[in-house]
Amino acid sequence: MEFSLSELIRQNTPGNSEGFPAGVPPSYNWYYGWNDGGLWSPPTDFTAVQGWGQVYPKVGAPPYSNSDAKVEVANAKTYVRIKQAGEWTLVQDQSRTQLTGGHFVPDFVGNVAIPMKATPLAGATIAFDVPPAGYNNHFWYKARGTYAADTVDAVYVQMEMRVTDPNLSLVAMVGADWWRDAQAPYLDDHSNNPAVGVSNWVELSTQWKTIGFYSMSAENFRANPAPLRDLVRETPPTRPPRPTRSGENFIPNESGGPASASREQKHTTANGTAESPLAEEIWLQSINSGSRAMLAYPITAVQALSNDCLLAFALTMGALAKVRWSNLQSRKRIDRA
């Protein structure tokens, strides 16, 4: 589809969602899509941002059974606006930093997640398995984007998505979180990662669709839009080739941490050498700029992820669960304790 400024603004105007996420309580304000409850500009001492996306079965859609179906995500980019110059700067680019993620329970309660298989394709494209029954797809960049402190006043996130099976009924949105810096750990009070906001829900099809989110008013964005043409200059492959060994995703095992034999998960060594052809499965990888690798086995408890950005994303989505963030006491979120 042609992606225009008017389409982007429609995706960021209340009431324009093309469906709603199955399994998410309607009391969550992000259930309906775009809302103005986030922190549109970062705190002055913050220096990082994280763009992300998520995909859900559409409310009312019949169950699907094609285990080979995929959700493809391409050309994901994140821009921040330098407030003094009014110019947009690219800080995250899928062609340089690939996406990772997991299948989370729809409402993020308990932060329960299971592995999500991901296969990098030609170009800036990755294929995720579709959400299994009772779960979603939640994904983000493997490294945060950075900028100088007190220089940014807005963020723009854009991703292209499609499904490989026309019988699928899935909806997707994109959003962003500010981070104190590229290495800051998750804290329970969200002082290190306040949420920015989300787009409306867009129904996916076998044709590429572009989804974007900006953290400013429509009037301000019209006057100073992000470089949309640059964001869609790459063309995802129509028929992605089979990934080569060098193009597969691997999850390193944390030093001293065992890998799960029951899931037959393999990983690479620290220098990136592949240990098994099964290693293309992404399993809740750390995105702290490569400073710490995640354990390569299932995680269903908050304690196991207390300092990892992955938990932060699950909790951040729970952070949107109330009708207005601004009305929450001490910025607490659902099931944050």
Protein backbone atom coordinates (compact mmCIF):
# COMPACT_ATOMS: atom_id res chain seq x y z
CA MET A 1 0.00 0.00 0.00
CA GLU A 2 1.07 3.59 -0.55
CA PHE A 3 2.06 5.11 2.74
CA SER A 4 1.25 8.78 3.04
CA LEU A 5 1.34 11.43 5.71
CA SER A 6 -2.46 11.37 5.91
CA GLU A 7 -2.44 7.59 6.46
CA LEU A 8 0.14 7.95 9.21
CA ILE A 9 -1.93 10.61 10.94
CA ARG A 10 -4.99 8.35 10.66
CA GLN A 11 -3.01 5.64 12.47
CA ASN A 12 -2.33 8.13 15.26
CA THR A 13 -5.85 9.52 15.62
CA PRO A 14 -8.20 7.95 18.21
CA GLY A 15 -10.93 5.68 16.89
CA ASN A 16 -9.20 4.46 13.73
CA SER A 17 -8.10 0.99 14.81
CA GLU A 18 -8.99 -1.72 12.27
CA GLY A 19 -9.59 -4.34 14.95
CA PHE A 20 -8.72 -5.11 18.54
CA PRO A 21 -6.30 -7.55 20.22
CA ALA A 22 -7.79 -10.85 21.40
CA GLY A 23 -7.10 -11.61 25.05
CA VAL A 24 -6.42 -8.02 26.11
CA PRO A 25 -8.95 -6.56 28.58
CA PRO A 26 -10.90 -3.62 27.07
CA SER A 27 -10.07 -1.70 30.26
CA TYR A 28 -6.46 -1.40 29.03
CA ASN A 29 -6.24 1.90 27.20
CA TRP A 30 -3.94 0.47 24.52
CA TYR A 31 -6.66 -2.08 23.72
CA TYR A 32 -8.24 0.61 21.53
CA GLY A 33 -4.96 1.74 19.99
CA TRP A 34 -3.58 5.26 20.07
CA ASN A 35 -3.81 7.20 23.33
CA ASP A 36 -2.17 10.29 24.79
CA GLY A 37 -1.18 8.90 28.16
CA GLY A 38 2.55 8.48 27.52
CA LEU A 39 5.62 10.64 27.98
CA TRP A 40 5.97 12.19 24.52
CA SER A 41 9.34 13.84 25.22
CA PRO A 42 12.12 12.20 27.24
CA PRO A 43 13.39 13.44 30.60
CA THR A 44 16.29 15.83 30.05
CA ASP A 45 18.90 13.41 31.42
CA PHE A 46 17.79 10.44 29.27
CA THR A 47 19.88 9.31 26.28
CA ALA A 48 18.21 6.23 24.77
CA VAL A 49 15.00 5.05 23.14
CA GLN A 50 13.54 1.70 22.08
CA GLY A 51 11.07 1.18 19.25
CA TRP A 52 8.92 -1.95 19.27
CA GLY A 53 5.94 -3.70 17.71
CA GLN A 54 3.39 -6.32 18.64
CA VAL A 55 0.93 -8.57 16.81
CA TYR A 56 -2.27 -10.21 18.13
CA PRO A 57 -5.10 -12.34 16.77
CA LYS A 58 -8.00 -10.04 15.93
CA VAL A 59 -11.01 -10.08 18.26
CA GLY A 60 -13.77 -12.20 16.70
CA ALA A 61 -11.52 -13.95 14.19
CA PRO A 62 -11.78 -17.74 13.86
CA PRO A 63 -8.83 -19.76 15.18
CA TYR A 64 -6.14 -20.61 12.62
CA SER A 65 -4.17 -23.81 12.28
CA ASN A 66 -1.41 -23.14 9.75
CA SER A 67 1.76 -23.77 11.74
CA ASP A 68 3.88 -22.68 8.77
CA ALA A 69 2.38 -19.18 8.57
CA LYS A 70 4.67 -16.25 9.36
CA VAL A 71 4.52 -12.60 10.32
CA GLU A 72 7.19 -10.70 8.39
CA VAL A 73 8.59 -7.38 9.61
CA ALA A 74 10.76 -5.20 7.39
CA ASN A 75 12.57 -1.87 7.27
CA ALA A 76 11.95 -1.00 10.91
CA LYS A 77 13.43 2.38 11.81
CA THR A 78 13.32 4.75 14.76
CA TYR A 79 13.96 8.49 14.51
CA VAL A 80 14.26 11.11 17.23
CA ARG A 81 13.73 14.83 16.65
CA ILE A 82 16.53 17.18 17.67
CA LYS A 83 14.56 19.95 19.29
CA GLN A 84 16.94 22.86 18.68
CA ALA A 85 17.23 22.21 14.92
CA GLY A 86 13.82 20.62 14.43
CA GLU A 87 15.48 17.82 12.46
CA TRP A 88 14.92 14.07 12.62
CA THR A 89 17.87 11.73 13.25
CA LEU A 90 17.90 7.98 12.64
CA VAL A 91 18.85 6.07 15.81
CA GLN A 92 17.58 2.53 15.10
CA ASP A 93 17.66 0.74 11.75
CA GLN A 94 16.67 -2.89 11.17
CA SER A 95 19.22 -3.17 8.35
CA ARG A 96 21.93 -2.64 10.99
CA THR A 97 20.31 -3.93 14.18
CA GLN A 98 17.88 -6.83 13.74
CA LEU A 99 14.74 -7.41 15.80
CA THR A 100 14.22 -9.95 18.54
CA GLY A 101 11.32 -10.84 20.86
CA GLY A 102 9.02 -13.47 22.35
CA HIS A 103 5.44 -14.76 22.57
CA PHE A 104 3.87 -13.15 25.67
CA VAL A 105 0.49 -13.79 27.25
CA PRO A 106 -1.91 -11.19 25.80
CA ASP A 107 -2.39 -9.09 28.94
CA PHE A 108 1.24 -9.47 30.11
CA VAL A 109 0.01 -10.52 33.57
CA GLY A 110 2.75 -12.50 35.28
CA ASN A 111 5.08 -11.62 32.39
CA VAL A 112 4.75 -15.17 31.10
CA ALA A 113 6.37 -15.80 27.72
CA ILE A 114 7.47 -18.66 25.49
CA PRO A 115 10.11 -18.75 22.72
CA MET A 116 9.35 -17.09 19.39
CA LYS A 117 11.10 -18.51 16.35
CA ALA A 118 12.60 -15.89 14.06
CA THR A 119 14.27 -16.25 10.67
CA PRO A 120 16.18 -13.33 9.15
CA LEU A 121 15.46 -12.96 5.43
CA ALA A 122 17.13 -11.08 2.61
CA GLY A 123 17.28 -7.33 3.14
CA ALA A 124 16.07 -5.65 6.32
CA THR A 125 13.40 -8.31 6.93
CA ILE A 126 12.68 -10.95 9.56
CA ALA A 127 9.99 -13.66 9.75
CA PHE A 128 8.38 -14.53 13.09
CA ASP A 129 6.07 -17.45 13.78
CA VAL A 130 2.44 -16.34 14.15
CA PRO A 131 1.13 -16.00 17.73
CA PRO A 132 0.21 -19.42 19.14
CA ALA A 133 -3.12 -19.79 20.94
CA GLY A 134 -3.10 -17.69 24.10
CA TYR A 135 -0.05 -15.60 23.18
CA ASN A 136 1.02 -12.58 21.13
CA ASN A 137 4.13 -11.57 19.17
CA HIS A 138 6.17 -8.84 20.87
CA PHE A 139 9.42 -7.66 19.27
CA TRP A 140 11.99 -4.86 19.43
CA TYR A 141 15.56 -4.02 18.39
CA LYS A 142 18.50 -5.88 19.89
CA ALA A 143 20.08 -2.55 20.89
CA ARG A 144 18.60 0.76 21.99
CA GLY A 145 18.97 3.91 19.95
CA THR A 146 20.97 6.69 21.58
CA TYR A 147 21.15 10.49 21.47
CA ALA A 148 22.70 13.32 23.48
CA ALA A 149 20.98 14.30 26.72
CA ASP A 150 18.51 17.20 26.60
CA THR A 151 18.51 17.37 22.79
CA VAL A 152 15.39 15.37 21.84
CA ASP A 153 11.70 16.25 22.05
CA ALA A 154 9.95 13.47 20.04
CA VAL A 155 10.31 9.98 18.57
CA TYR A 156 9.01 8.37 15.39
CA VAL A 157 8.82 4.58 14.88
CA GLN A 158 7.88 2.88 11.62
CA MET A 159 7.75 -0.78 10.56
CA GLU A 160 6.44 -2.66 7.54
CA MET A 161 4.54 -5.89 8.19
CA ARG A 162 2.66 -8.62 6.37
CA VAL A 163 1.49 -12.21 6.86
CA THR A 164 2.15 -15.16 4.58
CA ASP A 165 -1.32 -16.76 4.87
CA PRO A 166 -4.40 -14.83 3.63
CA ASN A 167 -6.58 -16.73 6.11
CA LEU A 168 -4.89 -15.11 9.10
CA SER A 169 -6.71 -12.31 10.94
CA LEU A 170 -4.05 -10.46 12.90
CA VAL A 171 -3.72 -6.86 14.08
CA ALA A 172 -0.49 -5.01 14.79
CA MET A 173 0.71 -1.78 16.41
CA VAL A 174 4.05 -0.07 17.00
CA GLY A 175 5.27 2.09 19.87
CA ALA A 176 8.30 3.26 21.84
CA ASP A 177 9.83 3.63 25.31
CA TRP A 178 12.41 6.12 26.53
CA TRP A 179 15.42 4.69 28.37
CA ARG A 180 17.80 6.42 30.75
CA ASP A 181 20.75 5.18 28.67
CA ALA A 182 21.84 2.29 26.49
CA GLN A 183 22.70 0.05 29.45
CA ALA A 184 20.23 1.08 32.17
CA PRO A 185 18.53 -1.87 33.88
CA TYR A 186 14.81 -2.20 34.41
CA LEU A 187 13.51 -0.75 37.70
CA ASP A 188 10.12 -1.46 39.25
CA ASP A 189 9.15 2.20 39.38
CA HIS A 190 9.80 2.59 35.63
CA SER A 191 12.13 5.48 36.32
CA ASN A 192 14.55 4.01 33.76
CA ASN A 193 12.02 3.34 30.99
CA PRO A 194 8.87 5.47 30.87
CA ALA A 195 6.53 4.55 28.04
CA VAL A 196 6.01 6.93 25.13
CA GLY A 197 2.86 5.62 23.43
CA VAL A 198 1.40 3.43 20.68
CA SER A 199 -0.24 3.61 17.27
CA ASN A 200 -3.70 2.37 16.37
CA TRP A 201 -4.17 -1.29 15.46
CA VAL A 202 -3.72 -2.12 11.78
CA GLU A 203 -5.08 -5.36 10.32
CA LEU A 204 -2.36 -7.30 8.50
CA SER A 205 -2.69 -8.95 5.10
CA THR A 206 -0.39 -10.65 2.59
CA GLN A 207 0.39 -7.18 1.20
CA TRP A 208 2.98 -5.06 2.95
CA LYS A 209 1.48 -2.48 5.30
CA THR A 210 3.40 0.33 6.95
CA ILE A 211 2.63 1.20 10.58
CA GLY A 212 3.99 4.29 12.29
CA PHE A 213 3.83 6.12 15.61
CA TYR A 214 4.92 9.68 16.44
CA SER A 215 4.99 11.37 19.85
CA MET A 216 3.58 14.79 19.09
CA SER A 217 0.37 16.40 17.92
CA ALA A 218 -0.83 15.84 14.36
CA GLU A 219 -0.46 19.56 13.69
CA ASN A 220 3.18 19.58 14.78
CA PHE A 221 3.95 16.43 12.83
CA ARG A 222 2.38 17.87 9.67
CA ALA A 223 4.57 20.92 10.06
CA ASN A 224 7.72 18.89 10.67
CA PRO A 225 7.26 15.26 9.51
CA ALA A 226 9.87 12.54 9.83
CA PRO A 227 11.60 11.60 6.55
CA LEU A 228 8.97 9.12 5.41
CA ARG A 229 10.52 8.57 2.01
CA ASP A 230 13.78 7.48 3.58
CA LEU A 231 11.95 5.07 5.85
CA VAL A 232 10.38 3.10 3.00
CA ARG A 233 13.18 3.30 0.45
CA GLU A 234 14.02 -0.40 0.83
CA THR A 235 11.81 -3.01 -0.83
CA PRO A 236 11.33 -6.25 1.14
CA PRO A 237 11.72 -9.40 -0.98
CA THR A 238 8.53 -10.79 -2.51
CA ARG A 239 9.83 -14.34 -2.26
CA PRO A 240 12.42 -14.40 0.52
CA PRO A 241 15.27 -16.84 -0.13
CA ARG A 242 16.11 -19.57 2.32
CA PRO A 243 18.31 -18.05 5.05
CA THR A 244 21.96 -18.97 5.04
CA ARG A 245 23.94 -19.97 8.08
CA SER A 246 25.35 -16.46 8.32
CA GLY A 247 21.86 -14.97 8.30
CA GLU A 248 20.37 -16.99 11.14
CA ASN A 249 19.70 -15.62 14.60
CA PHE A 250 21.48 -17.13 17.58
CA ILE A 251 21.01 -16.63 21.29
CA PRO A 252 24.19 -16.73 23.35
CA ASN A 253 24.02 -18.50 26.68
CA GLU A 254 24.92 -16.49 29.74
CA SER A 255 28.24 -17.43 31.20
CA GLY A 256 27.69 -20.22 33.68
CA GLY A 257 24.02 -20.63 32.74
CA PRO A 258 22.73 -23.96 31.43
CA ALA A 259 20.81 -24.24 28.17
CA SER A 260 17.47 -26.02 28.12
CA ALA A 261 17.99 -29.53 26.82
CA SER A 262 14.25 -30.19 26.83
CA ARG A 263 13.73 -27.56 24.12
CA GLU A 264 16.85 -28.66 22.24
CA GLN A 265 17.93 -25.04 22.05
CA LYS A 266 21.44 -24.46 20.82
CA HIS A 267 23.37 -21.24 20.66
CA THR A 268 26.53 -19.62 19.43
CA THR A 269 29.75 -19.14 21.23
CA ALA A 270 30.83 -15.67 22.26
CA ASN A 271 32.57 -15.14 18.93
CA GLY A 272 29.42 -15.99 16.98
CA THR A 273 30.36 -19.50 15.85
CA ALA A 274 27.26 -21.62 15.35
CA GLU A 275 26.91 -24.71 17.50
CA SER A 276 23.73 -26.10 16.00
CA PRO A 277 21.38 -25.66 12.98
CA LEU A 278 18.54 -25.28 15.46
CA ALA A 279 19.91 -22.00 16.67
CA GLU A 280 17.63 -19.74 14.61
CA GLU A 281 15.12 -19.68 17.48
CA ILE A 282 15.11 -16.38 19.32
CA TRP A 283 14.45 -16.84 23.02
CA LEU A 284 13.99 -13.69 25.01
CA GLN A 285 17.34 -12.14 24.20
CA SER A 286 18.97 -9.37 26.18
CA ILE A 287 19.12 -6.04 24.38
CA ASN A 288 21.43 -4.26 26.79
CA SER A 289 23.84 -3.43 23.94
CA GLY A 290 25.30 -6.91 24.13
CA SER A 291 26.57 -6.41 27.66
CA ARG A 292 24.81 -9.48 29.03
CA ALA A 293 23.40 -12.49 27.23
CA MET A 294 20.13 -14.02 28.33
CA LEU A 295 19.79 -17.58 29.55
CA ALA A 296 18.63 -19.86 26.76
CA TYR A 297 15.74 -21.47 28.59
CA PRO A 298 12.09 -20.52 29.24
CA ILE A 299 11.40 -17.69 31.68
CA THR A 300 8.05 -17.23 33.39
CA ALA A 301 8.99 -15.34 36.55
CA VAL A 302 9.74 -11.69 37.17
CA GLN A 303 12.81 -12.56 39.25
CA ALA A 304 14.61 -14.20 36.35
CA LEU A 305 14.33 -11.05 34.26
CA SER A 306 14.55 -8.34 36.89
CA ASN A 307 17.39 -6.51 35.18
CA ASP A 308 16.59 -7.27 31.56
CA CYS A 309 14.95 -5.10 28.97
CA LEU A 310 12.72 -7.97 27.94
CA LEU A 311 10.91 -7.86 31.25
CA ALA A 312 10.79 -4.13 30.92
CA PHE A 313 8.82 -4.42 27.70
CA ALA A 314 6.33 -6.84 29.21
CA LEU A 315 5.87 -4.59 32.19
CA THR A 316 5.73 -1.47 30.06
CA MET A 317 2.74 -2.89 28.18
CA GLY A 318 1.20 -3.63 31.54
CA ALA A 319 2.01 -0.02 32.26
CA LEU A 320 -0.57 1.04 29.72
CA ALA A 321 -3.25 -1.08 31.35
CA LYS A 322 -4.88 1.73 33.25
CA VAL A 323 -7.17 4.22 31.58
CA ARG A 324 -4.65 7.06 31.99
CA TRP A 325 -1.03 6.78 33.04
CA SER A 326 -1.18 10.25 34.50
CA ASN A 327 -3.77 9.15 37.03
CA LEU A 328 -1.68 6.30 38.40
CA GLN A 329 -0.18 6.70 41.82
CA SER A 330 3.61 6.65 41.87
CA ARG A 331 3.56 5.50 38.20
CA LYS A 332 2.64 1.96 39.24
CA ARG A 333 1.47 -0.45 36.57
CA ILE A 334 -0.68 -3.57 36.62
CA ASP A 335 1.11 -6.48 38.30
CA ARG A 336 4.30 -4.46 38.79
CA ALA A 337 5.12 -5.70 42.25
